């Protein structure tokens, strides 16, 4: 889709060339070096004179320098605080630790990519053979990844993927009923992925004592001597899943306040319309949920760097602003170590959809956070 040359875009401007759907058009002459404005921010500087009616795209713009992380507005904005929404509930699964799930799932986490094929086969059997017997269980999810084998496990920042895998494994939708599959020889050993203070591990069939015994998770190690081949490994995983499914099947939905909800919003394949259509709608829903006491997480660090001043401005207090600045500084250092810059985001699909660069994308991304402090 798009508009052909000669199409009128205003009373006195006609397109000088075909313009793809969603892409920008200069409504007036823009001199070389002048700012190109969208969302009332400078998304770039013209590399050459741009005539009114011209298609404005990435190749015509110089990316602005990133906003410095000093002298930012810190919790200076006072957004209109909307009245709280009272009395809204949902039916969820309340966990012993106080978290609430929205689904009832068996989670199978993995310590290393080498076990993914075995786990995938086992999940198929669990779905086909076991799940029909447990109608209150919504499904089984394998948490597979490409990490854990011969990695530099003690390298700086190696804790980030490990922490991420751990936190996903502790998702409230799993209700603590987690099954862990390891190979045995990997760097990311199960005890490192899930240390005792998170959820204790036990080998299948072995009891565990202590206050956290009711939250312990079963561990299936594929290199255990008892396994005599592929099907032996599969049988072990399927059998370990059975007791977890029995306990999950006994869970019941109960009425919970909307304040117990924690909702994450996804990137979603941004284009030039995202910032004026879908993302503001998400932001509106975000405000509703926050008014009801809930929590919303919005992505993502690589997109909000160019809108950091708008976020620190809205911070509920200075410590929140300082935390955001600290993460942006980490991202800047990460890019510097890789000898790349933030222009690596956006994607080819973003650009095809009309986004010229990361500054323009950032403006559409942060609106997902709504308008509340």
Protein backbone atom coordinates (compact mmCIF):
# COMPACT_ATOMS: atom_id res chain seq x y z
CA UNK A 1 0.00 0.00 0.00
CA UNK A 2 0.94 3.66 -0.24
CA UNK A 3 0.13 6.86 -2.08
CA UNK A 4 1.17 7.69 -5.65
CA UNK A 5 2.96 10.87 -6.67
CA UNK A 6 0.60 13.80 -7.14
CA UNK A 7 -1.68 12.88 -4.25
CA UNK A 8 -2.76 15.95 -2.27
CA UNK A 9 -1.80 15.69 1.42
CA UNK A 10 -2.94 19.22 2.33
CA UNK A 11 -4.44 22.26 0.63
CA UNK A 12 -1.08 23.30 -0.82
CA UNK A 13 1.11 20.17 -0.71
CA UNK A 14 1.14 17.31 -3.22
CA UNK A 15 3.35 14.25 -3.13
CA UNK A 16 6.40 14.57 -5.36
CA UNK A 17 7.02 10.81 -5.36
CA UNK A 18 5.27 7.59 -4.31
CA UNK A 19 5.18 7.21 -0.52
CA UNK A 20 4.77 3.80 1.15
CA UNK A 21 1.92 3.33 3.57
CA UNK A 22 2.64 4.74 7.00
CA UNK A 23 5.71 6.70 5.97
CA UNK A 24 6.28 10.41 6.54
CA UNK A 25 5.84 13.32 4.15
CA UNK A 26 7.43 16.76 4.52
CA UNK A 27 4.60 19.30 4.91
CA UNK A 28 6.98 22.21 4.34
CA UNK A 29 10.52 22.77 3.14
CA UNK A 30 13.14 21.55 5.61
CA UNK A 31 16.61 23.01 5.13
CA UNK A 32 19.71 20.83 5.35
CA UNK A 33 20.74 20.56 9.00
CA UNK A 34 17.31 21.59 10.31
CA UNK A 35 15.38 19.51 12.82
CA UNK A 36 12.74 17.06 11.61
CA UNK A 37 9.92 17.01 14.16
CA UNK A 38 7.46 14.28 15.08
CA UNK A 39 5.68 13.79 18.42
CA UNK A 40 6.93 17.32 19.14
CA UNK A 41 10.49 15.99 19.45
CA UNK A 42 13.45 16.08 17.07
CA UNK A 43 13.69 12.64 15.49
CA UNK A 44 16.60 13.68 13.25
CA UNK A 45 18.34 16.38 11.29
CA UNK A 46 17.95 16.74 7.52
CA UNK A 47 21.05 15.59 5.67
CA UNK A 48 19.96 17.66 2.65
CA UNK A 49 17.26 20.11 1.71
CA UNK A 50 13.89 18.38 1.85
CA UNK A 51 11.20 19.84 -0.38
CA UNK A 52 7.57 19.92 0.73
CA UNK A 53 5.81 16.81 -0.56
CA UNK A 54 8.94 14.63 -0.30
CA UNK A 55 9.03 11.19 1.26
CA UNK A 56 10.99 11.46 4.53
CA UNK A 57 12.88 8.28 5.41
CA UNK A 58 15.91 7.06 7.35
CA UNK A 59 18.41 7.82 4.59
CA UNK A 60 17.56 11.52 4.76
CA UNK A 61 18.09 11.91 8.51
CA UNK A 62 21.06 12.18 10.82
CA UNK A 63 20.34 10.43 14.12
CA UNK A 64 20.44 12.91 17.01
CA UNK A 65 22.91 12.34 19.81
CA UNK A 66 21.48 10.46 22.76
CA UNK A 67 20.23 12.65 25.57
CA UNK A 68 22.82 12.83 28.33
CA UNK A 69 22.03 11.09 31.59
CA UNK A 70 22.94 14.07 33.73
CA UNK A 71 20.75 17.08 34.43
CA UNK A 72 17.60 15.12 33.65
CA UNK A 73 14.26 16.21 35.11
CA UNK A 74 13.84 14.14 38.26
CA UNK A 75 10.27 13.49 39.46
CA UNK A 76 9.31 17.04 38.48
CA UNK A 77 6.13 16.25 36.62
CA UNK A 78 2.88 16.02 38.52
CA UNK A 79 0.62 13.89 36.36
CA UNK A 80 -3.03 14.13 37.11
CA UNK A 81 -3.62 11.35 39.61
CA UNK A 82 -6.75 9.58 38.54
CA UNK A 83 -9.23 8.41 41.13
CA UNK A 84 -8.65 4.82 42.31
CA UNK A 85 -10.86 2.13 40.86
CA UNK A 86 -12.43 0.07 43.61
CA UNK A 87 -14.13 -3.30 43.64
CA UNK A 88 -12.60 -4.87 40.52
CA UNK A 89 -11.65 -8.53 40.84
CA UNK A 90 -10.58 -11.52 38.78
CA UNK A 91 -10.56 -15.25 39.41
CA UNK A 92 -6.97 -16.31 39.97
CA UNK A 93 -4.81 -18.96 41.59
CA UNK A 94 -3.40 -17.75 44.90
CA UNK A 95 0.03 -19.12 45.78
CA UNK A 96 1.49 -19.73 49.27
CA UNK A 97 4.00 -16.89 48.78
CA UNK A 98 1.20 -14.39 48.16
CA UNK A 99 1.56 -14.16 44.38
CA UNK A 100 -1.43 -14.84 42.16
CA UNK A 101 -1.46 -16.71 38.87
CA UNK A 102 -3.91 -16.21 36.06
CA UNK A 103 -3.37 -19.70 34.65
CA UNK A 104 -2.61 -23.13 36.07
CA UNK A 105 0.43 -24.48 34.28
CA UNK A 106 3.08 -27.15 34.73
CA UNK A 107 6.45 -25.52 34.08
CA UNK A 108 9.44 -27.55 32.94
CA UNK A 109 12.61 -25.49 33.07
CA UNK A 110 15.95 -26.49 31.56
CA UNK A 111 19.51 -25.74 32.58
CA UNK A 112 21.05 -26.05 29.12
CA UNK A 113 20.08 -26.05 25.46
CA UNK A 114 21.33 -29.63 25.01
CA UNK A 115 18.21 -31.08 26.64
CA UNK A 116 15.71 -29.17 24.51
CA UNK A 117 15.00 -31.98 22.06
CA UNK A 118 14.37 -34.51 24.82
CA UNK A 119 12.15 -32.09 26.75
CA UNK A 120 10.16 -31.20 23.64
CA UNK A 121 9.42 -34.88 23.02
CA UNK A 122 8.48 -35.39 26.68
CA UNK A 123 6.15 -32.38 26.64
CA UNK A 124 4.33 -33.89 23.66
CA UNK A 125 3.76 -37.09 25.61
CA UNK A 126 2.62 -35.21 28.72
CA UNK A 127 0.09 -33.25 26.67
CA UNK A 128 -1.21 -36.34 24.89
CA UNK A 129 -1.16 -38.91 27.71
CA UNK A 130 -1.44 -37.04 31.00
CA UNK A 131 -3.18 -33.69 30.56
CA UNK A 132 -6.56 -35.23 29.60
CA UNK A 133 -6.62 -36.82 33.08
CA UNK A 134 -6.17 -33.45 34.81
CA UNK A 135 -8.88 -31.15 33.45
CA UNK A 136 -8.06 -28.27 35.82
CA UNK A 137 -4.51 -27.92 34.46
CA UNK A 138 -4.32 -25.47 31.57
CA UNK A 139 -1.18 -26.82 29.95
CA UNK A 140 2.51 -27.63 30.19
CA UNK A 141 5.23 -25.13 29.25
CA UNK A 142 8.86 -25.95 28.48
CA UNK A 143 11.25 -23.10 29.30
CA UNK A 144 13.89 -23.74 26.68
CA UNK A 145 16.82 -21.45 25.88
CA UNK A 146 20.26 -21.38 24.22
CA UNK A 147 22.42 -20.97 27.31
CA UNK A 148 24.20 -22.96 29.97
CA UNK A 149 26.68 -25.29 28.25
CA UNK A 150 30.31 -24.14 27.95
CA UNK A 151 29.58 -20.53 28.84
CA UNK A 152 31.85 -18.26 30.87
CA UNK A 153 29.65 -18.76 33.88
CA UNK A 154 31.57 -16.30 36.11
CA UNK A 155 31.97 -13.57 33.51
CA UNK A 156 30.71 -10.06 34.26
CA UNK A 157 26.95 -9.84 33.67
CA UNK A 158 26.60 -13.63 33.37
CA UNK A 159 24.19 -13.37 36.26
CA UNK A 160 21.71 -11.59 33.98
CA UNK A 161 20.62 -14.59 31.84
CA UNK A 162 20.76 -16.86 34.90
CA UNK A 163 18.61 -14.49 36.93
CA UNK A 164 16.21 -14.16 34.00
CA UNK A 165 15.79 -17.93 33.67
CA UNK A 166 15.29 -18.23 37.43
CA UNK A 167 12.65 -15.52 37.56
CA UNK A 168 10.73 -16.98 34.62
CA UNK A 169 10.85 -20.35 36.36
CA UNK A 170 9.24 -18.74 39.42
CA UNK A 171 6.32 -17.35 37.42
CA UNK A 172 3.15 -17.41 39.57
CA UNK A 173 1.30 -19.33 36.87
CA UNK A 174 3.41 -22.40 37.76
CA UNK A 175 2.29 -22.34 41.39
CA UNK A 176 5.71 -23.54 42.57
CA UNK A 177 5.11 -26.90 40.85
CA UNK A 178 8.28 -26.81 38.80
CA UNK A 179 10.12 -29.65 37.11
CA UNK A 180 13.81 -29.13 36.20
CA UNK A 181 15.62 -31.08 33.48
CA UNK A 182 19.41 -30.95 33.29
CA UNK A 183 22.00 -32.79 31.24
CA UNK A 184 24.58 -33.17 33.99
CA UNK A 185 27.79 -31.83 32.45
CA UNK A 186 26.75 -28.22 31.79
CA UNK A 187 28.27 -25.12 33.37
CA UNK A 188 24.86 -23.89 34.55
CA UNK A 189 24.25 -26.55 37.17
CA UNK A 190 20.72 -26.83 38.63
CA UNK A 191 21.91 -25.57 42.04
CA UNK A 192 23.16 -22.41 40.41
CA UNK A 193 19.96 -21.83 38.47
CA UNK A 194 17.74 -22.45 41.49
CA UNK A 195 19.69 -22.01 44.74
CA UNK A 196 18.21 -23.19 48.02
CA UNK A 197 16.88 -19.74 48.92
CA UNK A 198 14.67 -19.74 45.79
CA UNK A 199 13.25 -23.26 45.50
CA UNK A 200 15.21 -26.26 46.82
CA UNK A 201 15.99 -29.00 44.34
CA UNK A 202 15.61 -32.71 44.86
CA UNK A 203 16.27 -35.63 42.58
CA UNK A 204 13.14 -37.40 41.50
CA UNK A 205 11.90 -39.72 44.21
CA UNK A 206 14.07 -38.27 46.99
CA UNK A 207 12.38 -36.43 49.87
CA UNK A 208 13.68 -33.09 51.11
CA UNK A 209 13.41 -31.75 54.62
CA UNK A 210 13.09 -28.18 55.82
CA UNK A 211 10.68 -25.29 55.77
CA UNK A 212 10.75 -25.06 51.99
CA UNK A 213 10.04 -28.75 51.43
CA UNK A 214 6.56 -28.04 50.13
CA UNK A 215 8.07 -25.74 47.48
CA UNK A 216 10.85 -28.07 46.37
CA UNK A 217 11.08 -28.99 42.70
CA UNK A 218 11.95 -32.27 41.08
CA UNK A 219 15.19 -32.60 39.13
CA UNK A 220 15.63 -35.04 36.26
CA UNK A 221 19.27 -35.43 35.17
CA UNK A 222 19.55 -37.07 31.77
CA UNK A 223 23.06 -38.39 32.51
CA UNK A 224 21.94 -40.33 35.58
CA UNK A 225 23.25 -43.88 35.43
CA UNK A 226 19.73 -45.27 35.68
CA UNK A 227 18.90 -44.00 32.20
CA UNK A 228 19.55 -46.67 29.58
CA UNK A 229 18.55 -44.68 26.51
CA UNK A 230 16.32 -42.03 25.04
CA UNK A 231 13.00 -43.54 26.09
CA UNK A 232 14.29 -44.05 29.63
CA UNK A 233 14.92 -40.30 29.85
CA UNK A 234 11.48 -39.54 28.44
CA UNK A 235 9.76 -41.92 30.84
CA UNK A 236 11.55 -40.31 33.77
CA UNK A 237 10.34 -36.82 32.84
CA UNK A 238 6.78 -37.99 32.20
CA UNK A 239 6.65 -39.88 35.49
CA UNK A 240 8.03 -36.90 37.42
CA UNK A 241 5.35 -34.70 35.87
CA UNK A 242 2.55 -36.90 37.19
CA UNK A 243 2.73 -35.88 40.85
CA UNK A 244 3.00 -32.20 39.92
CA UNK A 245 -0.07 -32.45 37.71
CA UNK A 246 -2.00 -34.10 40.53
CA UNK A 247 -1.28 -31.19 42.86
CA UNK A 248 -1.94 -28.57 40.19
CA UNK A 249 -5.25 -30.22 39.38
CA UNK A 250 -6.38 -29.58 42.98
CA UNK A 251 -5.87 -25.82 42.69
CA UNK A 252 -9.01 -23.74 42.51
CA UNK A 253 -9.64 -20.28 41.21
CA UNK A 254 -10.62 -17.77 43.88
CA UNK A 255 -11.75 -14.17 43.66
CA UNK A 256 -8.74 -11.85 43.87
CA UNK A 257 -8.53 -8.04 43.78
CA UNK A 258 -7.28 -6.50 40.55
CA UNK A 259 -4.37 -5.14 42.59
CA UNK A 260 -2.88 -8.65 42.54
CA UNK A 261 -2.41 -8.52 38.77
CA UNK A 262 1.07 -8.04 37.30
CA UNK A 263 0.82 -7.59 33.53
CA UNK A 264 3.69 -7.36 31.08
CA UNK A 265 3.18 -5.71 27.70
CA UNK A 266 5.13 -6.83 24.66
CA UNK A 267 6.94 -4.94 21.91
CA UNK A 268 4.61 -6.17 19.20
CA UNK A 269 6.33 -5.26 15.92
CA UNK A 270 6.20 -1.46 15.88
CA UNK A 271 5.40 0.63 12.84
CA UNK A 272 4.55 4.29 12.24
CA UNK A 273 0.98 3.76 13.46
CA UNK A 274 1.91 2.06 16.77
CA UNK A 275 2.55 5.34 18.55
CA UNK A 276 -0.84 6.79 17.62
CA UNK A 277 -3.08 3.71 17.64
CA UNK A 278 -2.21 0.45 19.42
CA UNK A 279 0.31 1.72 21.96
CA UNK A 280 -1.85 4.58 23.28
CA UNK A 281 -4.66 2.04 23.68
CA UNK A 282 -2.30 -0.12 25.73
CA UNK A 283 -1.38 2.97 27.76
CA UNK A 284 -5.05 3.66 28.44
CA UNK A 285 -5.49 0.10 29.70
CA UNK A 286 -2.31 0.51 31.77
CA UNK A 287 -3.79 3.54 33.52
CA UNK A 288 -6.97 1.61 34.30
CA UNK A 289 -5.03 -1.28 35.82
CA UNK A 290 -2.78 1.03 37.86
CA UNK A 291 -5.84 2.85 39.15
CA UNK A 292 -7.12 -0.51 40.35
CA UNK A 293 -3.84 -1.09 42.19
CA UNK A 294 -2.24 -3.46 39.68
CA UNK A 295 1.27 -3.42 38.24
CA UNK A 296 2.28 -3.07 34.58
CA UNK A 297 5.69 -3.79 33.10
CA UNK A 298 6.39 -2.24 29.71
CA UNK A 299 9.21 -2.98 27.31
CA UNK A 300 11.93 -2.25 26.62
CA UNK A 301 15.26 -0.72 27.63
CA UNK A 302 16.53 -0.52 24.06
CA UNK A 303 13.47 1.49 23.05
CA UNK A 304 13.04 3.89 25.94
CA UNK A 305 16.62 5.24 26.00
CA UNK A 306 15.62 8.18 23.81
CA UNK A 307 12.61 8.97 25.97
CA UNK A 308 14.36 8.71 29.32
CA UNK A 309 13.76 12.35 30.20
CA UNK A 310 10.01 11.82 29.85
CA UNK A 311 10.20 8.83 32.19
CA UNK A 312 12.44 10.34 34.87
CA UNK A 313 10.14 13.35 34.77
CA UNK A 314 7.19 11.09 35.63
CA UNK A 315 9.06 9.09 38.27
CA UNK A 316 7.09 8.69 41.48
CA UNK A 317 10.14 9.77 43.48
CA UNK A 318 13.86 10.49 42.94
CA UNK A 319 14.96 6.94 43.76
CA UNK A 320 12.80 5.59 40.93
CA UNK A 321 14.33 8.10 38.52
CA UNK A 322 17.83 7.19 39.67
CA UNK A 323 17.13 3.50 39.10
CA UNK A 324 16.03 4.21 35.51
CA UNK A 325 19.11 6.32 34.89
CA UNK A 326 21.33 3.55 36.25
CA UNK A 327 19.82 1.03 33.82
CA UNK A 328 20.21 3.41 30.88
CA UNK A 329 23.88 3.90 31.83
CA UNK A 330 24.27 0.12 31.84
CA UNK A 331 22.77 -0.03 28.35
CA UNK A 332 25.09 2.71 27.08
CA UNK A 333 28.09 0.81 28.46
CA UNK A 334 26.80 -2.41 26.89
CA UNK A 335 26.62 -0.77 23.48
CA UNK A 336 30.09 0.71 23.93
CA UNK A 337 31.59 -2.69 24.77
CA UNK A 338 30.10 -4.10 21.60
CA UNK A 339 31.31 -1.11 19.57
CA UNK A 340 27.82 -0.42 18.26
CA UNK A 341 25.32 2.36 18.86
CA UNK A 342 21.63 2.53 19.58
CA UNK A 343 20.75 2.80 15.87
CA UNK A 344 20.94 -1.03 15.79
CA UNK A 345 17.35 -0.83 16.98
CA UNK A 346 15.12 -0.39 14.85
CA UNK A 347 14.48 -3.56 12.84
CA UNK A 348 14.02 -3.83 9.08
CA UNK A 349 10.32 -4.45 9.70
CA UNK A 350 10.05 -1.29 11.80
CA UNK A 351 11.59 0.73 8.99
CA UNK A 352 9.41 -0.86 6.34
CA UNK A 353 6.45 0.15 8.50
CA UNK A 354 7.50 3.78 8.47
CA UNK A 355 9.70 4.26 11.54
CA UNK A 356 12.87 6.09 10.56
CA UNK A 357 14.98 5.46 13.64
CA UNK A 358 15.05 4.59 17.33
CA UNK A 359 14.09 8.11 18.45
CA UNK A 360 10.80 7.91 16.58
CA UNK A 361 10.25 4.35 17.81
CA UNK A 362 10.93 5.35 21.42
CA UNK A 363 8.24 8.00 21.38
CA UNK A 364 5.66 5.40 20.38
CA UNK A 365 6.99 2.83 22.82
CA UNK A 366 6.87 4.76 26.07
CA UNK A 367 3.19 5.67 25.62
CA UNK A 368 2.44 2.04 26.58
CA UNK A 369 3.32 3.08 30.14
CA UNK A 370 0.23 5.29 30.28
CA UNK A 371 0.20 8.62 32.05
CA UNK A 372 0.34 7.82 35.76
CA UNK A 373 3.42 8.45 37.96
